[in-house]
Amino acid sequence: MAKTIKVVLAEDQGMVRGALSVLLGIEPDIEVVASAADGDEALRLVGQLRPQILVTDIEMPKSTGLELTARVRNLYPETRVVILTTFARPGYLRRALDAGAHGYLLKDRPSTELADAVRRVHQGLRVVDPGLAAEVWNAEPDPLTDREREILRRAGEGESTAEVAKALRLSDGTVRNYLSEAISKLGAHNRVEAARLARAKGWL
């Protein structure tokens, strides 16, 4: 039987990436054509190989899985995205769906569920972890703008105001204003607490 569903994997942990490749590769109708360790590499591979499915983690170097999902949707809409993550957070699920993901599964689910999800998404269906699907409708709305989120994420990872400003080509004052707004929206006392709260809710 010819393999009919071509998949690219994006996962920064080498052991997990290898295991996923093996688990999907043994399926008679699924072929893992390439795997990537970061979001930028994954985008390049999707453009080069045009797989039907991209399976990606959320937290990765260079481009996050959510950023990758949005770029794939815009550049290669024929490739459908399945998010595979450890984060059982409604905030992440809502952002993933908004970015254009067609599937959202947790890594602690049986491996057979991933192969089944790949098939169903390939058929045009949407697959979401059943426990999270109910929670997302009752989840708090994400108060952060994309720019606030990006700056808060960088600040939470230890970058100084000057470093964030240089990376994003903004003034120091503009960065401080964005941080102040994000901190206020989250009811936090400082940037570290704000980043922690936002991450816990799946908003970073």
N, C-alpha and C. Protein backbone atom coordinates (compact mmCIF):
# COMPACT_ATOMS: atom_id res chain seq x y z
N MET A 1 0.85 -1.20 0.00
CA MET A 1 0.00 0.00 0.00
C MET A 1 0.88 1.24 0.00
N ALA A 2 0.63 2.16 -0.90
CA ALA A 2 1.43 3.38 -0.98
C ALA A 2 1.11 4.30 0.19
N LYS A 3 2.15 4.93 0.70
CA LYS A 3 1.96 5.92 1.76
C LYS A 3 1.26 7.13 1.15
N THR A 4 0.17 7.57 1.75
CA THR A 4 -0.63 8.63 1.15
C THR A 4 -0.55 9.96 1.89
N ILE A 5 -0.14 9.96 3.14
CA ILE A 5 -0.11 11.19 3.94
C ILE A 5 1.33 11.53 4.28
N LYS A 6 1.83 12.60 3.71
CA LYS A 6 3.21 13.02 3.97
C LYS A 6 3.21 14.02 5.14
N VAL A 7 4.11 13.78 6.10
CA VAL A 7 4.15 14.56 7.34
C VAL A 7 5.54 15.14 7.57
N VAL A 8 5.60 16.40 7.99
CA VAL A 8 6.82 16.99 8.53
C VAL A 8 6.63 17.16 10.02
N LEU A 9 7.66 16.79 10.80
CA LEU A 9 7.63 16.92 12.26
C LEU A 9 8.47 18.11 12.70
N ALA A 10 7.98 18.87 13.68
CA ALA A 10 8.76 19.96 14.28
C ALA A 10 8.74 19.77 15.79
N GLU A 11 9.91 19.44 16.33
CA GLU A 11 10.05 19.15 17.77
C GLU A 11 11.50 19.38 18.16
N ASP A 12 11.73 20.21 19.18
CA ASP A 12 13.11 20.58 19.50
C ASP A 12 13.85 19.54 20.32
N GLN A 13 13.14 18.62 20.96
CA GLN A 13 13.81 17.58 21.74
C GLN A 13 14.09 16.38 20.84
N GLY A 14 15.38 16.09 20.66
CA GLY A 14 15.79 15.07 19.70
C GLY A 14 15.19 13.70 19.96
N MET A 15 15.15 13.28 21.23
CA MET A 15 14.63 11.95 21.54
C MET A 15 13.14 11.85 21.23
N VAL A 16 12.41 12.90 21.58
CA VAL A 16 10.97 12.92 21.30
C VAL A 16 10.73 12.95 19.79
N ARG A 17 11.52 13.76 19.10
CA ARG A 17 11.38 13.86 17.64
C ARG A 17 11.61 12.51 16.98
N GLY A 18 12.64 11.80 17.43
CA GLY A 18 12.93 10.48 16.87
C GLY A 18 11.83 9.48 17.16
N ALA A 19 11.31 9.52 18.38
CA ALA A 19 10.24 8.59 18.75
C ALA A 19 8.98 8.83 17.94
N LEU A 20 8.64 10.11 17.76
CA LEU A 20 7.45 10.43 16.97
C LEU A 20 7.61 9.99 15.53
N SER A 21 8.80 10.17 15.00
CA SER A 21 9.06 9.78 13.61
C SER A 21 8.87 8.28 13.44
N VAL A 22 9.37 7.52 14.40
CA VAL A 22 9.22 6.05 14.34
C VAL A 22 7.76 5.65 14.48
N LEU A 23 7.06 6.25 15.46
CA LEU A 23 5.67 5.88 15.73
C LEU A 23 4.76 6.17 14.53
N LEU A 24 4.97 7.31 13.90
CA LEU A 24 4.14 7.62 12.74
C LEU A 24 4.59 6.83 11.51
N GLY A 25 5.89 6.61 11.41
CA GLY A 25 6.43 5.93 10.24
C GLY A 25 5.99 4.48 10.08
N ILE A 26 5.61 3.83 11.20
CA ILE A 26 5.18 2.43 11.11
C ILE A 26 3.74 2.31 10.61
N GLU A 27 3.04 3.45 10.52
CA GLU A 27 1.67 3.40 10.01
C GLU A 27 1.72 3.17 8.50
N PRO A 28 0.84 2.33 7.97
CA PRO A 28 0.92 1.96 6.55
C PRO A 28 0.63 3.11 5.58
N ASP A 29 -0.08 4.14 6.06
CA ASP A 29 -0.49 5.22 5.16
C ASP A 29 0.16 6.56 5.47
N ILE A 30 1.12 6.58 6.41
CA ILE A 30 1.75 7.84 6.82
C ILE A 30 3.25 7.77 6.59
N GLU A 31 3.80 8.80 5.98
CA GLU A 31 5.24 8.88 5.74
C GLU A 31 5.79 10.17 6.33
N VAL A 32 6.74 10.06 7.26
CA VAL A 32 7.42 11.23 7.80
C VAL A 32 8.54 11.58 6.83
N VAL A 33 8.36 12.66 6.09
CA VAL A 33 9.31 12.99 5.02
C VAL A 33 10.48 13.83 5.52
N ALA A 34 10.32 14.47 6.70
CA ALA A 34 11.41 15.27 7.26
C ALA A 34 11.04 15.67 8.68
N SER A 35 12.06 16.03 9.46
CA SER A 35 11.81 16.54 10.81
C SER A 35 12.71 17.73 11.07
N ALA A 36 12.26 18.62 11.94
CA ALA A 36 12.97 19.87 12.21
C ALA A 36 13.09 20.09 13.70
N ALA A 37 14.18 20.78 14.10
CA ALA A 37 14.43 21.04 15.51
C ALA A 37 14.00 22.44 15.93
N ASP A 38 13.60 23.27 14.98
CA ASP A 38 13.12 24.61 15.33
C ASP A 38 12.10 25.08 14.30
N GLY A 39 11.40 26.16 14.64
CA GLY A 39 10.31 26.62 13.80
C GLY A 39 10.75 27.12 12.43
N ASP A 40 11.89 27.79 12.36
CA ASP A 40 12.36 28.31 11.07
C ASP A 40 12.71 27.17 10.11
N GLU A 41 13.38 26.14 10.65
CA GLU A 41 13.72 24.98 9.81
C GLU A 41 12.46 24.28 9.33
N ALA A 42 11.48 24.18 10.22
CA ALA A 42 10.22 23.52 9.85
C ALA A 42 9.52 24.26 8.72
N LEU A 43 9.52 25.59 8.79
CA LEU A 43 8.87 26.37 7.73
C LEU A 43 9.58 26.15 6.40
N ARG A 44 10.90 26.10 6.44
CA ARG A 44 11.67 25.86 5.21
C ARG A 44 11.33 24.49 4.62
N LEU A 45 11.23 23.48 5.48
CA LEU A 45 10.93 22.13 5.01
C LEU A 45 9.52 22.02 4.44
N VAL A 46 8.57 22.70 5.09
CA VAL A 46 7.20 22.69 4.56
C VAL A 46 7.17 23.32 3.17
N GLY A 47 7.90 24.43 2.99
CA GLY A 47 7.94 25.08 1.69
C GLY A 47 8.60 24.22 0.64
N GLN A 48 9.60 23.45 1.06
CA GLN A 48 10.35 22.62 0.11
C GLN A 48 9.60 21.34 -0.24
N LEU A 49 8.98 20.71 0.76
CA LEU A 49 8.39 19.38 0.57
C LEU A 49 6.88 19.37 0.41
N ARG A 50 6.24 20.44 0.82
CA ARG A 50 4.78 20.58 0.73
C ARG A 50 4.03 19.35 1.26
N PRO A 51 4.23 19.02 2.53
CA PRO A 51 3.52 17.88 3.10
C PRO A 51 2.04 18.19 3.30
N GLN A 52 1.25 17.15 3.43
CA GLN A 52 -0.16 17.39 3.73
C GLN A 52 -0.34 17.83 5.18
N ILE A 53 0.54 17.33 6.07
CA ILE A 53 0.40 17.60 7.51
C ILE A 53 1.72 18.05 8.11
N LEU A 54 1.66 19.07 8.96
CA LEU A 54 2.78 19.46 9.82
C LEU A 54 2.37 19.17 11.26
N VAL A 55 3.17 18.37 11.96
CA VAL A 55 2.95 18.11 13.39
C VAL A 55 4.01 18.90 14.14
N THR A 56 3.59 19.82 15.00
CA THR A 56 4.55 20.69 15.67
C THR A 56 4.27 20.86 17.16
N ASP A 57 5.35 20.99 17.92
CA ASP A 57 5.26 21.36 19.33
C ASP A 57 4.97 22.86 19.40
N ILE A 58 4.68 23.37 20.59
CA ILE A 58 4.44 24.81 20.74
C ILE A 58 5.73 25.55 21.05
N GLU A 59 6.42 25.14 22.10
CA GLU A 59 7.62 25.86 22.52
C GLU A 59 8.85 25.31 21.80
N MET A 60 9.37 26.11 20.87
CA MET A 60 10.56 25.72 20.11
C MET A 60 11.43 26.95 19.90
N PRO A 61 12.71 26.73 19.58
CA PRO A 61 13.59 27.86 19.29
C PRO A 61 13.21 28.56 17.99
N LYS A 62 13.63 29.82 17.90
CA LYS A 62 13.51 30.65 16.69
C LYS A 62 12.08 31.06 16.40
N SER A 63 11.21 30.13 16.08
CA SER A 63 9.78 30.44 15.92
C SER A 63 8.99 29.44 16.74
N THR A 64 8.03 29.93 17.52
CA THR A 64 7.21 29.01 18.30
C THR A 64 6.27 28.24 17.38
N GLY A 65 5.69 27.19 17.90
CA GLY A 65 4.74 26.42 17.11
C GLY A 65 3.54 27.24 16.68
N LEU A 66 3.13 28.20 17.50
CA LEU A 66 1.99 29.05 17.14
C LEU A 66 2.37 30.02 16.03
N GLU A 67 3.56 30.60 16.12
CA GLU A 67 4.04 31.47 15.04
C GLU A 67 4.19 30.68 13.74
N LEU A 68 4.73 29.48 13.87
CA LEU A 68 4.91 28.60 12.71
C LEU A 68 3.57 28.27 12.06
N THR A 69 2.58 27.97 12.89
CA THR A 69 1.24 27.64 12.38
C THR A 69 0.67 28.78 11.56
N ALA A 70 0.79 30.00 12.07
CA ALA A 70 0.26 31.16 11.34
C ALA A 70 0.98 31.37 10.02
N ARG A 71 2.29 31.16 10.00
CA ARG A 71 3.06 31.35 8.77
C ARG A 71 2.72 30.28 7.74
N VAL A 72 2.55 29.05 8.21
CA VAL A 72 2.17 27.97 7.28
C VAL A 72 0.79 28.24 6.70
N ARG A 73 -0.12 28.70 7.53
CA ARG A 73 -1.47 29.00 7.03
C ARG A 73 -1.42 30.06 5.93
N ASN A 74 -0.57 31.08 6.12
CA ASN A 74 -0.50 32.17 5.16
C ASN A 74 0.26 31.81 3.89
N LEU A 75 1.35 31.02 4.06
CA LEU A 75 2.22 30.73 2.92
C LEU A 75 1.88 29.42 2.22
N TYR A 76 1.49 28.42 2.99
CA TYR A 76 1.24 27.08 2.42
C TYR A 76 -0.07 26.52 2.97
N PRO A 77 -1.19 27.13 2.63
CA PRO A 77 -2.48 26.75 3.23
C PRO A 77 -2.90 25.31 2.93
N GLU A 78 -2.27 24.69 1.94
CA GLU A 78 -2.62 23.29 1.66
C GLU A 78 -2.07 22.35 2.71
N THR A 79 -1.10 22.80 3.52
CA THR A 79 -0.57 22.00 4.62
C THR A 79 -1.36 22.28 5.88
N ARG A 80 -1.92 21.24 6.46
CA ARG A 80 -2.71 21.39 7.69
C ARG A 80 -1.81 21.12 8.90
N VAL A 81 -2.08 21.83 9.98
CA VAL A 81 -1.20 21.78 11.15
C VAL A 81 -1.88 21.08 12.32
N VAL A 82 -1.13 20.16 12.94
CA VAL A 82 -1.54 19.51 14.18
C VAL A 82 -0.55 19.91 15.27
N ILE A 83 -1.05 20.54 16.33
CA ILE A 83 -0.21 20.91 17.48
C ILE A 83 -0.16 19.71 18.42
N LEU A 84 1.06 19.33 18.82
CA LEU A 84 1.25 18.24 19.78
C LEU A 84 2.09 18.80 20.92
N THR A 85 1.52 18.88 22.12
CA THR A 85 2.18 19.62 23.19
C THR A 85 1.91 19.01 24.56
N THR A 86 2.69 19.44 25.54
CA THR A 86 2.44 19.04 26.93
C THR A 86 1.49 20.02 27.62
N PHE A 87 1.18 21.14 26.96
CA PHE A 87 0.44 22.21 27.62
C PHE A 87 -1.07 22.04 27.50
N ALA A 88 -1.68 21.60 28.60
CA ALA A 88 -3.13 21.45 28.65
C ALA A 88 -3.76 22.75 29.13
N ARG A 89 -3.58 23.81 28.35
CA ARG A 89 -4.05 25.14 28.74
C ARG A 89 -5.01 25.68 27.70
N PRO A 90 -6.22 26.05 28.13
CA PRO A 90 -7.19 26.58 27.17
C PRO A 90 -6.66 27.78 26.39
N GLY A 91 -5.82 28.61 27.04
CA GLY A 91 -5.29 29.78 26.35
C GLY A 91 -4.46 29.39 25.14
N TYR A 92 -3.65 28.35 25.28
CA TYR A 92 -2.85 27.87 24.16
C TYR A 92 -3.75 27.31 23.06
N LEU A 93 -4.77 26.55 23.46
CA LEU A 93 -5.67 25.97 22.47
C LEU A 93 -6.36 27.06 21.66
N ARG A 94 -6.87 28.06 22.35
CA ARG A 94 -7.57 29.14 21.64
C ARG A 94 -6.62 29.85 20.67
N ARG A 95 -5.41 30.11 21.11
CA ARG A 95 -4.43 30.78 20.24
C ARG A 95 -4.05 29.89 19.05
N ALA A 96 -3.95 28.57 19.31
CA ALA A 96 -3.61 27.64 18.23
C ALA A 96 -4.70 27.63 17.16
N LEU A 97 -5.95 27.59 17.60
CA LEU A 97 -7.06 27.59 16.64
C LEU A 97 -7.12 28.91 15.88
N ASP A 98 -6.88 30.02 16.59
CA ASP A 98 -6.88 31.33 15.94
C ASP A 98 -5.75 31.42 14.90
N ALA A 99 -4.62 30.74 15.19
CA ALA A 99 -3.48 30.77 14.26
C ALA A 99 -3.72 29.90 13.03
N GLY A 100 -4.71 29.01 13.10
CA GLY A 100 -5.03 28.19 11.95
C GLY A 100 -4.79 26.71 12.12
N ALA A 101 -4.50 26.26 13.35
CA ALA A 101 -4.28 24.82 13.58
C ALA A 101 -5.58 24.04 13.37
N HIS A 102 -5.42 22.83 12.83
CA HIS A 102 -6.58 21.95 12.62
C HIS A 102 -6.65 20.85 13.68
N GLY A 103 -5.58 20.72 14.48
CA GLY A 103 -5.58 19.70 15.53
C GLY A 103 -4.78 20.18 16.72
N TYR A 104 -5.17 19.72 17.92
CA TYR A 104 -4.46 20.09 19.15
C TYR A 104 -4.53 18.87 20.07
N LEU A 105 -3.40 18.20 20.24
CA LEU A 105 -3.34 16.99 21.05
C LEU A 105 -2.27 17.13 22.13
N LEU A 106 -2.46 16.38 23.21
CA LEU A 106 -1.49 16.38 24.31
C LEU A 106 -0.57 15.18 24.18
N LYS A 107 0.68 15.37 24.58
CA LYS A 107 1.69 14.32 24.42
C LYS A 107 1.45 13.11 25.30
N ASP A 108 0.62 13.23 26.32
CA ASP A 108 0.39 12.07 27.19
C ASP A 108 -0.71 11.15 26.67
N ARG A 109 -1.26 11.46 25.51
CA ARG A 109 -2.27 10.59 24.93
C ARG A 109 -1.60 9.39 24.25
N PRO A 110 -2.33 8.28 24.07
CA PRO A 110 -1.75 7.11 23.38
C PRO A 110 -1.28 7.47 21.98
N SER A 111 -0.20 6.84 21.55
CA SER A 111 0.40 7.17 20.26
C SER A 111 -0.56 6.92 19.09
N THR A 112 -1.45 5.96 19.26
CA THR A 112 -2.41 5.67 18.18
C THR A 112 -3.32 6.86 17.91
N GLU A 113 -3.54 7.69 18.94
CA GLU A 113 -4.42 8.85 18.75
C GLU A 113 -3.78 9.89 17.83
N LEU A 114 -2.46 9.97 17.86
CA LEU A 114 -1.79 10.92 16.98
C LEU A 114 -1.96 10.50 15.53
N ALA A 115 -1.73 9.23 15.23
CA ALA A 115 -1.90 8.75 13.87
C ALA A 115 -3.34 8.94 13.41
N ASP A 116 -4.29 8.67 14.29
CA ASP A 116 -5.70 8.85 13.94
C ASP A 116 -6.00 10.33 13.69
N ALA A 117 -5.40 11.21 14.50
CA ALA A 117 -5.61 12.65 14.31
C ALA A 117 -5.05 13.12 12.98
N VAL A 118 -3.86 12.60 12.62
CA VAL A 118 -3.27 12.96 11.33
C VAL A 118 -4.21 12.57 10.19
N ARG A 119 -4.78 11.38 10.28
CA ARG A 119 -5.71 10.93 9.23
C ARG A 119 -6.95 11.81 9.17
N ARG A 120 -7.51 12.12 10.31
CA ARG A 120 -8.76 12.89 10.35
C ARG A 120 -8.53 14.33 9.86
N VAL A 121 -7.41 14.93 10.28
CA VAL A 121 -7.10 16.28 9.81
C VAL A 121 -6.85 16.27 8.30
N HIS A 122 -6.20 15.23 7.81
CA HIS A 122 -5.97 15.09 6.38
C HIS A 122 -7.28 15.02 5.61
N GLN A 123 -8.31 14.47 6.25
CA GLN A 123 -9.63 14.36 5.63
C GLN A 123 -10.43 15.66 5.70
N GLY A 124 -9.86 16.66 6.37
CA GLY A 124 -10.53 17.95 6.47
C GLY A 124 -11.24 18.19 7.77
N LEU A 125 -11.07 17.28 8.73
CA LEU A 125 -11.73 17.43 10.02
C LEU A 125 -10.83 18.19 10.99
N ARG A 126 -11.41 18.64 12.09
CA ARG A 126 -10.66 19.28 13.16
C ARG A 126 -10.64 18.35 14.36
N VAL A 127 -9.47 18.19 14.97
CA VAL A 127 -9.31 17.26 16.09
C VAL A 127 -8.74 18.03 17.28
N VAL A 128 -9.47 18.02 18.38
CA VAL A 128 -9.03 18.74 19.59
C VAL A 128 -9.15 17.80 20.77
N ASP A 129 -8.16 17.84 21.66
CA ASP A 129 -8.21 17.03 22.87
C ASP A 129 -9.56 17.26 23.56
N PRO A 130 -10.32 16.19 23.84
CA PRO A 130 -11.68 16.36 24.34
C PRO A 130 -11.77 17.08 25.68
N GLY A 131 -10.78 16.88 26.55
CA GLY A 131 -10.81 17.55 27.84
C GLY A 131 -10.66 19.05 27.72
N LEU A 132 -9.83 19.47 26.79
CA LEU A 132 -9.59 20.90 26.60
C LEU A 132 -10.71 21.58 25.81
N ALA A 133 -11.33 20.84 24.93
CA ALA A 133 -12.37 21.43 24.07
C ALA A 133 -13.47 22.06 24.91
N ALA A 134 -13.86 21.39 26.00
CA ALA A 134 -14.92 21.93 26.84
C ALA A 134 -14.43 23.15 27.63
N GLU A 135 -13.17 23.11 28.06
CA GLU A 135 -12.63 24.20 28.89
C GLU A 135 -12.47 25.50 28.12
N VAL A 136 -12.16 25.41 26.84
CA VAL A 136 -11.80 26.62 26.10
C VAL A 136 -12.93 27.63 26.04
N TRP A 137 -14.17 27.16 26.08
CA TRP A 137 -15.30 28.08 25.99
C TRP A 137 -15.48 28.89 27.27
N ASN A 138 -14.97 28.34 28.40
CA ASN A 138 -15.09 29.04 29.67
C ASN A 138 -13.80 29.74 30.08
N ALA A 139 -12.80 29.68 29.23
CA ALA A 139 -11.50 30.27 29.57
C ALA A 139 -11.57 31.80 29.53
N GLU A 140 -10.73 32.43 30.35
CA GLU A 140 -10.63 33.89 30.32
C GLU A 140 -10.13 34.34 28.94
N PRO A 141 -10.66 35.43 28.43
CA PRO A 141 -10.13 35.94 27.16
C PRO A 141 -8.71 36.46 27.34
N ASP A 142 -7.89 36.27 26.35
CA ASP A 142 -6.51 36.73 26.37
C ASP A 142 -6.50 38.26 26.23
N PRO A 143 -5.99 38.99 27.24
CA PRO A 143 -6.03 40.46 27.17
C PRO A 143 -4.86 41.08 26.41
N LEU A 144 -3.85 40.28 26.07
CA LEU A 144 -2.62 40.83 25.50
C LEU A 144 -2.71 40.99 23.98
N THR A 145 -2.11 42.06 23.49
CA THR A 145 -1.93 42.20 22.05
C THR A 145 -0.72 41.37 21.64
N ASP A 146 -0.57 41.14 20.35
CA ASP A 146 0.58 40.35 19.88
C ASP A 146 1.90 41.02 20.25
N ARG A 147 1.96 42.35 20.15
CA ARG A 147 3.20 43.05 20.48
C ARG A 147 3.49 42.99 21.98
N GLU A 148 2.47 43.15 22.79
CA GLU A 148 2.65 43.03 24.25
C GLU A 148 3.14 41.63 24.60
N ARG A 149 2.56 40.64 23.95
CA ARG A 149 2.93 39.26 24.22
C ARG A 149 4.40 39.00 23.86
N GLU A 150 4.82 39.49 22.70
CA GLU A 150 6.19 39.27 22.26
C GLU A 150 7.18 39.94 23.21
N ILE A 151 6.90 41.17 23.59
CA ILE A 151 7.80 41.91 24.48
C ILE A 151 7.82 41.28 25.87
N LEU A 152 6.65 40.89 26.37
CA LEU A 152 6.60 40.27 27.70
C LEU A 152 7.32 38.92 27.70
N ARG A 153 7.19 38.17 26.61
CA ARG A 153 7.89 36.88 26.53
C ARG A 153 9.40 37.08 26.58
N ARG A 154 9.88 38.04 25.81
CA ARG A 154 11.33 38.31 25.81
C ARG A 154 11.80 38.79 27.18
N ALA A 155 11.03 39.67 27.79
CA ALA A 155 11.40 40.18 29.11
C ALA A 155 11.38 39.06 30.14
N GLY A 156 10.39 38.18 30.03
CA GLY A 156 10.30 37.07 30.97
C GLY A 156 11.43 36.08 30.82
N GLU A 157 12.06 36.06 29.64
CA GLU A 157 13.20 35.17 29.40
C GLU A 157 14.52 35.83 29.81
N GLY A 158 14.43 37.05 30.35
CA GLY A 158 15.62 37.68 30.91
C GLY A 158 16.23 38.79 30.09
N GLU A 159 15.62 39.11 28.93
CA GLU A 159 16.18 40.20 28.13
C GLU A 159 15.89 41.55 28.80
N SER A 160 16.84 42.45 28.75
CA SER A 160 16.66 43.79 29.30
C SER A 160 15.80 44.62 28.37
N THR A 161 15.34 45.75 28.87
CA THR A 161 14.55 46.66 28.03
C THR A 161 15.34 47.06 26.79
N ALA A 162 16.61 47.38 26.98
CA ALA A 162 17.45 47.78 25.86
C ALA A 162 17.61 46.66 24.84
N GLU A 163 17.77 45.43 25.31
CA GLU A 163 17.93 44.28 24.41
C GLU A 163 16.65 44.03 23.60
N VAL A 164 15.50 44.13 24.28
CA VAL A 164 14.23 43.95 23.58
C VAL A 164 14.05 45.05 22.54
N ALA A 165 14.35 46.29 22.94
CA ALA A 165 14.20 47.42 22.02
C ALA A 165 15.06 47.24 20.78
N LYS A 166 16.30 46.81 20.97
CA LYS A 166 17.21 46.63 19.84
C LYS A 166 16.72 45.51 18.92
N ALA A 167 16.27 44.39 19.51
CA ALA A 167 15.82 43.24 18.72
C ALA A 167 14.59 43.59 17.90
N LEU A 168 13.70 44.40 18.45
CA LEU A 168 12.43 44.70 17.78
C LEU A 168 12.44 46.06 17.10
N ARG A 169 13.59 46.74 17.16
CA ARG A 169 13.74 48.05 16.52
C ARG A 169 12.72 49.05 17.04
N LEU A 170 12.63 49.09 18.36
CA LEU A 170 11.76 50.04 19.04
C LEU A 170 12.60 50.90 19.98
N SER A 171 12.03 51.98 20.47
CA SER A 171 12.74 52.77 21.47
C SER A 171 12.58 52.13 22.84
N ASP A 172 13.50 52.44 23.76
CA ASP A 172 13.40 51.91 25.12
C ASP A 172 12.07 52.34 25.75
N GLY A 173 11.68 53.58 25.52
CA GLY A 173 10.43 54.08 26.10
C GLY A 173 9.22 53.32 25.60
N THR A 174 9.21 53.00 24.31
CA THR A 174 8.09 52.25 23.74
C THR A 174 8.00 50.86 24.36
N VAL A 175 9.14 50.21 24.54
CA VAL A 175 9.16 48.89 25.17
C VAL A 175 8.64 48.98 26.60
N ARG A 176 9.08 50.00 27.33
CA ARG A 176 8.61 50.15 28.72
C ARG A 176 7.10 50.39 28.76
N ASN A 177 6.58 51.13 27.80
CA ASN A 177 5.14 51.37 27.75
C ASN A 177 4.36 50.08 27.50
N TYR A 178 4.85 49.27 26.56
CA TYR A 178 4.19 47.98 26.29
C TYR A 178 4.23 47.08 27.52
N LEU A 179 5.39 47.04 28.19
CA LEU A 179 5.50 46.22 29.39
C LEU A 179 4.57 46.72 30.49
N SER A 180 4.51 48.01 30.66
CA SER A 180 3.64 48.58 31.68
C SER A 180 2.18 48.22 31.42
N GLU A 181 1.79 48.30 30.16
CA GLU A 181 0.41 47.97 29.79
C GLU A 181 0.12 46.49 30.05
N ALA A 182 1.05 45.62 29.69
CA ALA A 182 0.87 44.18 29.91
C ALA A 182 0.80 43.86 31.40
N ILE A 183 1.68 44.46 32.17
CA ILE A 183 1.69 44.24 33.62
C ILE A 183 0.37 44.68 34.24
N SER A 184 -0.12 45.84 33.80
CA SER A 184 -1.39 46.36 34.31
C SER A 184 -2.56 45.44 33.96
N LYS A 185 -2.61 44.99 32.71
CA LYS A 185 -3.70 44.11 32.28
C LYS A 185 -3.74 42.82 33.09
N LEU A 186 -2.57 42.32 33.47
CA LEU A 186 -2.48 41.05 34.18
C LEU A 186 -2.57 41.21 35.69
N GLY A 187 -2.63 42.43 36.17
CA GLY A 187 -2.71 42.67 37.60
C GLY A 187 -1.45 42.24 38.34
N ALA A 188 -0.32 42.32 37.65
CA ALA A 188 0.96 41.88 38.23
C ALA A 188 1.72 43.07 38.81
N HIS A 189 2.78 42.76 39.56
CA HIS A 189 3.58 43.81 40.18
C HIS A 189 4.83 44.16 39.36
N ASN A 190 5.27 43.22 38.52
CA ASN A 190 6.46 43.46 37.73
C ASN A 190 6.44 42.56 36.50
N ARG A 191 7.44 42.73 35.64
CA ARG A 191 7.47 41.98 34.38
C ARG A 191 7.64 40.49 34.58
N VAL A 192 8.40 40.09 35.61
CA VAL A 192 8.63 38.67 35.86
C VAL A 192 7.33 37.99 36.29
N GLU A 193 6.61 38.63 37.19
CA GLU A 193 5.33 38.07 37.64
C GLU A 193 4.32 38.06 36.50
N ALA A 194 4.32 39.12 35.71
CA ALA A 194 3.39 39.18 34.58
C ALA A 194 3.66 38.06 33.58
N ALA A 195 4.94 37.81 33.28
CA ALA A 195 5.29 36.73 32.34
C ALA A 195 4.88 35.38 32.91
N ARG A 196 5.09 35.20 34.21
CA ARG A 196 4.72 33.92 34.84
C ARG A 196 3.21 33.69 34.78
N LEU A 197 2.44 34.72 35.08
CA LEU A 197 0.98 34.60 35.05
C LEU A 197 0.48 34.34 33.62
N ALA A 198 1.04 35.06 32.66
CA ALA A 198 0.61 34.89 31.27
C ALA A 198 0.96 33.51 30.75
N ARG A 199 2.14 33.02 31.12
CA ARG A 199 2.55 31.69 30.67
C ARG A 199 1.65 30.60 31.27
N ALA A 200 1.30 30.77 32.54
CA ALA A 200 0.45 29.78 33.21
C ALA A 200 -0.93 29.67 32.55
N LYS A 201 -1.39 30.76 31.96
CA LYS A 201 -2.71 30.76 31.32
C LYS A 201 -2.64 30.42 29.83
N GLY A 202 -1.42 30.23 29.33
CA GLY A 202 -1.27 29.91 27.92
C GLY A 202 -1.31 31.11 27.01
N TRP A 203 -1.04 32.30 27.56
CA TRP A 203 -1.07 33.52 26.76
C TRP A 203 0.29 33.91 26.21
N LEU A 204 1.36 33.22 26.64
CA LEU A 204 2.67 33.45 26.07
C LEU A 204 3.08 32.27 25.20
